[in-house]
Amino acid sequence: MHLLPRLVLLAALALPPLAASAATLPPEPADDDWPVADAGGRGWNTARLAALDAAIAGGEAPETTSLLVVHRGTLVHEAYFNGADRQTLHNTRSLTKTVTALLVGNAIDRGLIAGVDGPVLDFFPERTPGNPGTFKRAVTIEDLLTMSAQWECDDNNNFSAGHEERMYVSADWIQFALDLPERGYAAWTRRPADSPHGRAFAYCTANAFLLGAIVERASGVSLARFAREALEAPLGIRVSRWHRSSEGTGMGGGGTEYRSRDLAKLGQLIVDGGRWNGRQVVSAQWVRAMSQVHAQTPFDADYGYQMWRFPFTAGDRPLHAWAMSGNGGNYVFVVPEEQLVVVITRTRYNQRGMHAESRKLFSDYVLSALP
């Protein structure tokens, strides 16, 4: 045998597997209740999944840390990047908002909260809000859930009185939110009566934070403890990290940390109408309400209860995906009719294009690989 071909063969055998080749292997079983399967055996286009991993490894979506695909209740693709692994806790930022909405639903299911029509101020009877008025007494839990409370709060407007960065440096976040002034409408903006679904959307982290505070008031325990008992333990989620506000209230608006496989469980809960392993964790009625369009956003997306709804195409077929979304390009995409859940975790915080990059991974690679 000639020496050169032998050296070439030995070198090829010694090479570490490429990120793209890892996509053709099934995820490994673990003690987290996830069944696993080979994507190719389930009809997936494994070449596209291999191209997906290669694209991430090549920097197409910088600072991506994981990408998981669950189809029909089975984990068929799992890849980690940039030093992350199966045990990494990912700070998913505003993706927490959807988790908080699930907790609100669980509290309603338990009778701790009467319903979404309840006035927000009723949960804070000891507080004296600034800028009082009829509008403030009229704000309901559903207004918070749909980002349509009629106080002046818009995280996408640096001049907004309720901008999240102002809340973060205040000593009392609850009082900050309750003190917000009434929202005004310039000539080029739509009032609620003129808006689709009768709601004028404005993305406001203070809304989601108040939802978490309401859950604490209604349950009598911290948000982290309620989440652990009502949601995480039933899903078999053993590790998470919740953050708190200046005054100690659980931060329902962002920053909760989860492992990738546990994020996939949250998505699967939506797909399966609130059930996990045969147990009804959140009522099917609540999941239907969450995944119903309640408001139109200015970002080519609709909005449910603390969840986005984006239009996509799979081949030549249009479809919509519900999304839990957070700063950095973090996503849990949910397509109930396809029984599809896709987790993308990233740390590209506050960078232009971060969300578009993640949605492109989902659209150009995952959806194009669907059976």
Protein backbone atom coordinates (compact mmCIF):
# COMPACT_ATOMS: atom_id res chain seq x y z
CA MET A 1 0.00 0.00 0.00
CA HIS A 2 1.41 3.41 -0.92
CA LEU A 3 2.21 5.66 2.04
CA LEU A 4 0.26 8.72 0.85
CA PRO A 5 -3.19 7.06 0.54
CA ARG A 6 -2.60 5.40 3.92
CA LEU A 7 -1.84 8.77 5.55
CA VAL A 8 -4.90 10.34 3.94
CA LEU A 9 -7.09 7.51 5.26
CA LEU A 10 -5.65 7.76 8.78
CA ALA A 11 -6.10 11.54 8.79
CA ALA A 12 -9.72 11.21 7.73
CA LEU A 13 -10.39 8.71 10.49
CA ALA A 14 -8.76 11.00 13.05
CA LEU A 15 -10.72 14.10 12.14
CA PRO A 16 -13.31 15.22 14.71
CA PRO A 17 -16.91 15.10 13.44
CA LEU A 18 -18.13 18.28 11.81
CA ALA A 19 -21.12 20.12 13.24
CA ALA A 20 -23.03 19.24 10.08
CA SER A 21 -22.44 15.51 10.46
CA ALA A 22 -23.71 15.57 14.02
CA ALA A 23 -27.14 16.53 12.69
CA THR A 24 -27.56 13.10 11.12
CA LEU A 25 -27.30 11.35 14.50
CA PRO A 26 -30.32 10.99 16.79
CA PRO A 27 -30.31 12.88 20.10
CA GLU A 28 -29.22 10.81 23.10
CA PRO A 29 -31.76 9.61 25.66
CA ALA A 30 -31.63 11.29 29.06
CA ASP A 31 -33.60 11.14 32.30
CA ASP A 32 -35.90 14.01 31.33
CA ASP A 33 -38.90 12.15 29.83
CA TRP A 34 -38.06 13.06 26.23
CA PRO A 35 -38.40 10.21 23.73
CA VAL A 36 -35.75 10.52 21.03
CA ALA A 37 -35.60 9.33 17.43
CA ASP A 38 -33.50 9.55 14.29
CA ALA A 39 -34.75 12.43 12.14
CA GLY A 40 -34.14 10.52 8.93
CA GLY A 41 -36.25 7.64 10.13
CA ARG A 42 -39.08 10.10 10.74
CA GLY A 43 -38.93 11.44 7.19
CA TRP A 44 -36.92 14.60 7.82
CA ASN A 45 -34.51 15.93 5.21
CA THR A 46 -31.32 15.28 7.14
CA ALA A 47 -29.22 17.10 4.55
CA ARG A 48 -31.06 20.31 5.43
CA LEU A 49 -30.57 19.65 9.15
CA ALA A 50 -26.88 19.04 8.52
CA ALA A 51 -26.76 22.31 6.57
CA LEU A 52 -28.46 24.00 9.53
CA ASP A 53 -25.74 22.92 11.96
CA ALA A 54 -23.05 23.84 9.48
CA ALA A 55 -24.58 27.29 8.99
CA ILE A 56 -24.62 27.92 12.73
CA ALA A 57 -21.07 26.62 13.16
CA GLY A 58 -20.06 28.88 10.27
CA GLY A 59 -21.45 31.98 11.94
CA GLU A 60 -24.69 32.50 10.03
CA ALA A 61 -26.48 33.22 13.32
CA PRO A 62 -23.71 34.39 15.66
CA GLU A 63 -23.72 33.44 19.34
CA THR A 64 -26.20 30.62 18.92
CA THR A 65 -25.89 28.19 21.83
CA SER A 66 -28.44 25.48 21.01
CA LEU A 67 -31.03 24.35 18.51
CA LEU A 68 -33.52 21.57 19.21
CA VAL A 69 -36.32 20.16 17.08
CA VAL A 70 -39.26 18.22 18.52
CA HIS A 71 -41.71 16.60 16.12
CA ARG A 72 -44.85 14.73 17.16
CA GLY A 73 -43.69 14.65 20.75
CA THR A 74 -40.25 13.22 19.95
CA LEU A 75 -36.88 14.95 20.04
CA VAL A 76 -35.37 14.42 16.58
CA HIS A 77 -32.56 16.98 16.45
CA GLU A 78 -30.31 18.43 19.15
CA ALA A 79 -27.16 20.50 18.71
CA TYR A 80 -25.13 22.77 20.99
CA PHE A 81 -22.64 25.46 20.09
CA ASN A 82 -20.23 27.99 21.55
CA GLY A 83 -19.46 26.07 24.71
CA ALA A 84 -23.06 25.24 25.68
CA ASP A 85 -24.26 21.74 26.46
CA ARG A 86 -27.36 19.93 27.65
CA GLN A 87 -26.95 21.26 31.20
CA THR A 88 -26.45 24.92 30.29
CA LEU A 89 -28.99 27.35 31.75
CA HIS A 90 -29.90 29.90 29.07
CA ASN A 91 -30.98 33.41 30.01
CA THR A 92 -33.86 33.71 27.59
CA ARG A 93 -34.84 37.27 28.53
CA SER A 94 -38.40 38.13 27.47
CA LEU A 95 -39.24 34.56 26.58
CA THR A 96 -40.10 34.52 30.31
CA LYS A 97 -43.23 36.50 29.49
CA THR A 98 -44.87 33.45 27.94
CA VAL A 99 -43.99 31.37 31.00
CA THR A 100 -45.64 34.02 33.16
CA ALA A 101 -48.78 33.82 31.02
CA LEU A 102 -48.84 30.06 31.62
CA LEU A 103 -48.60 30.74 35.36
CA VAL A 104 -51.49 33.21 35.18
CA GLY A 105 -53.55 30.52 33.48
CA ASN A 106 -52.64 27.97 36.13
CA ALA A 107 -53.65 30.45 38.86
CA ILE A 108 -57.00 30.97 37.10
CA ASP A 109 -57.43 27.19 36.79
CA ARG A 110 -56.91 26.89 40.56
CA GLY A 111 -59.40 29.64 41.33
CA LEU A 112 -56.72 31.92 42.76
CA ILE A 113 -57.55 34.53 40.09
CA ALA A 114 -61.17 34.93 39.01
CA GLY A 115 -60.42 35.59 35.34
CA VAL A 116 -58.81 37.87 32.81
CA ASP A 117 -61.41 40.60 33.30
CA GLY A 118 -60.23 41.38 36.82
CA PRO A 119 -59.02 44.99 37.33
CA VAL A 120 -55.28 45.16 37.98
CA LEU A 121 -55.60 47.69 40.80
CA ASP A 122 -57.72 45.26 42.82
CA PHE A 123 -54.59 43.20 43.47
CA PHE A 124 -52.74 46.16 45.00
CA PRO A 125 -55.28 47.72 47.40
CA GLU A 126 -52.57 49.17 49.65
CA ARG A 127 -51.03 51.14 46.78
CA THR A 128 -51.94 54.69 45.79
CA PRO A 129 -51.12 54.96 42.09
CA GLY A 130 -49.92 58.21 40.60
CA ASN A 131 -51.74 59.71 37.62
CA PRO A 132 -55.10 58.35 38.77
CA GLY A 133 -58.08 58.27 36.46
CA THR A 134 -60.80 56.20 34.92
CA PHE A 135 -58.36 54.67 32.44
CA LYS A 136 -56.25 53.23 35.23
CA ARG A 137 -59.14 51.69 37.11
CA ALA A 138 -60.21 50.08 33.82
CA VAL A 139 -56.92 48.24 33.13
CA THR A 140 -57.50 44.49 33.34
CA ILE A 141 -55.36 41.36 33.46
CA GLU A 142 -56.22 40.74 29.81
CA ASP A 143 -54.92 44.21 28.92
CA LEU A 144 -51.58 43.20 30.44
CA LEU A 145 -51.59 39.83 28.69
CA THR A 146 -52.20 41.41 25.29
CA MET A 147 -49.83 44.39 25.71
CA SER A 148 -52.71 46.81 25.32
CA ALA A 149 -52.99 48.48 28.73
CA GLN A 150 -53.81 52.12 28.21
CA TRP A 151 -50.91 53.57 30.12
CA GLU A 152 -47.91 55.16 28.46
CA CYS A 153 -45.42 52.31 28.22
CA ASP A 154 -43.51 51.26 25.12
CA ASP A 155 -40.13 49.50 25.30
CA ASN A 156 -39.53 50.29 21.63
CA ASN A 157 -39.68 54.03 22.30
CA ASN A 158 -36.73 55.38 24.26
CA PHE A 159 -38.81 58.44 25.19
CA SER A 160 -41.60 56.39 26.75
CA ALA A 161 -42.32 57.02 30.43
CA GLY A 162 -42.71 53.29 30.98
CA HIS A 163 -39.61 52.12 29.10
CA GLU A 164 -38.21 49.01 30.80
CA GLU A 165 -34.77 50.54 31.41
CA ARG A 166 -36.40 53.21 33.58
CA MET A 167 -38.20 50.54 35.57
CA TYR A 168 -35.00 48.57 36.17
CA VAL A 169 -33.30 51.47 37.95
CA SER A 170 -36.30 52.32 40.13
CA ALA A 171 -36.49 51.20 43.75
CA ASP A 172 -40.05 49.89 43.53
CA TRP A 173 -41.04 48.32 40.20
CA ILE A 174 -44.67 47.75 41.16
CA GLN A 175 -45.14 51.39 42.05
CA PHE A 176 -43.31 52.42 38.88
CA ALA A 177 -45.81 50.49 36.76
CA LEU A 178 -48.90 51.57 38.67
CA ASP A 179 -47.83 55.24 38.48
CA LEU A 180 -47.65 55.34 34.68
CA PRO A 181 -49.60 58.17 33.00
CA GLU A 182 -52.39 57.68 30.48
CA ARG A 183 -51.35 56.86 26.96
CA GLY A 184 -51.84 59.47 24.24
CA TYR A 185 -52.27 59.03 20.50
CA ALA A 186 -50.55 61.07 17.83
CA ALA A 187 -52.33 61.62 14.53
CA TRP A 188 -50.34 58.83 12.86
CA THR A 189 -51.12 56.20 15.49
CA ARG A 190 -54.21 54.06 15.88
CA ARG A 191 -56.49 54.32 18.87
CA PRO A 192 -57.94 51.09 20.28
CA ALA A 193 -61.30 51.58 18.58
CA ASP A 194 -59.54 51.90 15.21
CA SER A 195 -57.17 48.97 15.75
CA PRO A 196 -57.63 45.36 14.71
CA HIS A 197 -59.24 43.38 17.54
CA GLY A 198 -60.01 46.66 19.32
CA ARG A 199 -56.62 46.83 21.02
CA ALA A 200 -53.76 49.28 20.49
CA PHE A 201 -50.59 47.24 21.01
CA ALA A 202 -47.45 48.59 22.71
CA TYR A 203 -44.74 46.22 23.91
CA CYS A 204 -44.27 46.88 27.62
CA THR A 205 -42.23 44.72 30.00
CA ALA A 206 -43.91 46.41 32.96
CA ASN A 207 -47.15 44.70 31.91
CA ALA A 208 -45.60 41.23 32.18
CA PHE A 209 -43.87 42.16 35.42
CA LEU A 210 -47.23 43.13 36.94
CA LEU A 211 -48.67 39.79 35.82
CA GLY A 212 -46.00 38.03 37.85
CA ALA A 213 -46.70 40.31 40.81
CA ILE A 214 -50.41 39.47 40.54
CA VAL A 215 -49.62 35.74 40.61
CA GLU A 216 -47.58 36.31 43.76
CA ARG A 217 -50.40 38.26 45.40
CA ALA A 218 -53.00 35.67 44.42
CA SER A 219 -50.97 32.62 45.44
CA GLY A 220 -49.29 34.00 48.54
CA VAL A 221 -45.88 32.60 47.50
CA SER A 222 -42.97 33.84 45.44
CA LEU A 223 -43.22 33.63 41.68
CA ALA A 224 -40.29 31.20 41.58
CA ARG A 225 -41.98 28.88 44.09
CA PHE A 226 -45.33 29.02 42.30
CA ALA A 227 -43.61 28.31 38.99
CA ARG A 228 -41.78 25.37 40.52
CA GLU A 229 -44.89 23.82 42.06
CA ALA A 230 -47.46 24.65 39.38
CA LEU A 231 -45.44 24.29 36.17
CA GLU A 232 -41.86 23.14 36.44
CA ALA A 233 -42.29 20.11 38.72
CA PRO A 234 -45.18 18.67 36.67
CA LEU A 235 -43.02 19.05 33.54
CA GLY A 236 -40.05 17.39 35.19
CA ILE A 237 -38.02 20.62 35.09
CA ARG A 238 -35.52 20.25 37.93
CA VAL A 239 -33.39 23.34 37.48
CA SER A 240 -34.31 26.94 36.70
CA ARG A 241 -33.28 30.38 37.86
CA TRP A 242 -35.76 33.21 38.38
CA HIS A 243 -34.79 36.83 38.97
CA ARG A 244 -36.37 39.45 41.21
CA SER A 245 -37.04 43.18 41.12
CA SER A 246 -35.50 45.82 43.37
CA GLU A 247 -38.21 45.31 46.00
CA GLY A 248 -38.02 41.51 45.75
CA THR A 249 -40.99 40.76 43.49
CA GLY A 250 -40.46 37.89 41.05
CA MET A 251 -39.46 39.11 37.60
CA GLY A 252 -42.22 37.83 35.36
CA GLY A 253 -41.06 40.03 32.48
CA GLY A 254 -37.73 38.44 31.63
CA GLY A 255 -34.47 36.78 32.54
CA THR A 256 -35.58 33.33 33.68
CA GLU A 257 -32.98 30.67 32.89
CA TYR A 258 -33.80 27.18 31.61
CA ARG A 259 -32.04 24.28 29.92
CA SER A 260 -32.83 23.78 26.23
CA ARG A 261 -34.70 20.50 26.67
CA ASP A 262 -36.84 22.12 29.36
CA LEU A 263 -37.67 25.02 27.06
CA ALA A 264 -38.85 22.42 24.56
CA LYS A 265 -41.23 21.07 27.21
CA LEU A 266 -42.84 24.49 27.53
CA GLY A 267 -43.41 24.50 23.78
CA GLN A 268 -44.76 20.97 23.81
CA LEU A 269 -47.21 22.02 26.51
CA ILE A 270 -48.73 24.46 24.00
CA VAL A 271 -48.84 21.83 21.24
CA ASP A 272 -50.58 19.32 23.51
CA GLY A 273 -53.21 21.70 24.87
CA GLY A 274 -51.66 22.06 28.33
CA ARG A 275 -50.88 18.35 28.88
CA TRP A 276 -47.57 16.67 29.62
CA ASN A 277 -47.22 12.92 29.98
CA GLY A 278 -50.97 12.57 30.34
CA ARG A 279 -51.28 15.20 33.06
CA GLN A 280 -53.22 18.43 32.54
CA VAL A 281 -50.75 21.05 33.77
CA VAL A 282 -52.62 24.06 32.37
CA SER A 283 -56.19 23.89 31.13
CA ALA A 284 -56.79 23.39 27.41
CA GLN A 285 -59.11 26.38 27.54
CA TRP A 286 -56.27 28.59 28.73
CA VAL A 287 -53.86 27.33 26.07
CA ARG A 288 -56.50 28.06 23.40
CA ALA A 289 -56.87 31.60 24.79
CA MET A 290 -53.10 32.13 24.79
CA SER A 291 -52.77 30.95 21.20
CA GLN A 292 -55.60 33.06 19.84
CA VAL A 293 -54.89 36.38 18.12
CA HIS A 294 -55.87 39.25 20.41
CA ALA A 295 -53.86 42.14 18.97
CA GLN A 296 -51.90 43.19 15.91
CA THR A 297 -48.33 44.40 16.38
CA PRO A 298 -46.28 46.79 14.20
CA PHE A 299 -43.74 44.00 13.55
CA ASP A 300 -45.44 41.86 10.88
CA ALA A 301 -46.80 39.65 13.63
CA ASP A 302 -49.94 39.14 15.65
CA TYR A 303 -50.08 38.73 19.42
CA GLY A 304 -51.92 36.36 21.75
CA TYR A 305 -51.37 36.20 25.49
CA GLN A 306 -47.66 37.07 25.82
CA MET A 307 -46.92 35.15 22.60
CA TRP A 308 -46.16 36.23 19.05
CA ARG A 309 -47.66 34.76 15.87
CA PHE A 310 -45.44 34.97 12.77
CA PRO A 311 -46.22 34.07 9.14
CA PHE A 312 -43.90 31.58 7.41
CA THR A 313 -43.94 29.22 4.46
CA ALA A 314 -43.00 25.55 4.32
CA GLY A 315 -42.22 24.92 0.68
CA ASP A 316 -45.09 26.62 -1.13
CA ARG A 317 -47.45 26.19 1.82
CA PRO A 318 -48.13 29.14 4.16
CA LEU A 319 -48.23 28.45 7.87
CA HIS A 320 -48.10 30.40 11.13
CA ALA A 321 -45.89 29.74 14.12
CA TRP A 322 -46.52 30.87 17.65
CA ALA A 323 -43.35 32.05 19.33
CA MET A 324 -42.01 32.65 22.78
CA SER A 325 -39.35 35.24 22.10
CA GLY A 326 -36.58 37.01 23.98
CA ASN A 327 -33.70 39.43 23.48
CA GLY A 328 -30.60 37.86 21.97
CA GLY A 329 -32.59 35.96 19.37
CA ASN A 330 -33.99 33.41 21.80
CA TYR A 331 -37.07 31.54 20.55
CA VAL A 332 -39.37 28.63 21.19
CA PHE A 333 -41.37 28.22 17.97
CA VAL A 334 -44.61 26.25 18.15
CA VAL A 335 -46.61 25.03 15.13
CA PRO A 336 -49.52 23.04 16.61
CA GLU A 337 -50.87 21.74 13.29
CA GLU A 338 -47.45 20.24 12.51
CA GLN A 339 -46.90 19.11 16.12
CA LEU A 340 -43.60 20.97 15.85
CA VAL A 341 -41.52 22.66 18.55
CA VAL A 342 -38.18 24.33 17.79
CA VAL A 343 -35.89 25.81 20.44
CA ILE A 344 -33.21 28.34 19.50
CA THR A 345 -31.08 29.83 22.28
CA ARG A 346 -28.63 32.65 21.64
CA THR A 347 -26.68 35.28 23.53
CA ARG A 348 -26.63 37.97 20.85
CA TYR A 349 -28.26 40.50 23.16
CA ASN A 350 -29.21 43.95 21.88
CA GLN A 351 -27.70 43.36 18.43
CA ARG A 352 -29.35 44.48 15.22
CA GLY A 353 -30.83 41.60 13.24
CA MET A 354 -30.76 39.08 16.09
CA HIS A 355 -34.45 38.18 15.75
CA ALA A 356 -34.40 38.06 11.95
CA GLU A 357 -31.39 35.70 12.08
CA SER A 358 -33.21 33.26 14.35
CA ARG A 359 -36.39 33.35 12.30
CA LYS A 360 -34.29 32.69 9.19
CA LEU A 361 -32.82 29.55 10.77
CA PHE A 362 -36.32 28.35 11.52
CA SER A 363 -37.70 29.20 8.09
CA ASP A 364 -34.84 28.39 5.72
CA TYR A 365 -33.59 25.23 7.38
CA VAL A 366 -36.06 23.66 9.82
CA LEU A 367 -39.25 24.24 7.84
CA SER A 368 -37.54 23.26 4.60
CA ALA A 369 -36.53 19.96 6.23
CA LEU A 370 -40.03 19.04 7.38
CA PRO A 371 -41.31 15.62 6.27
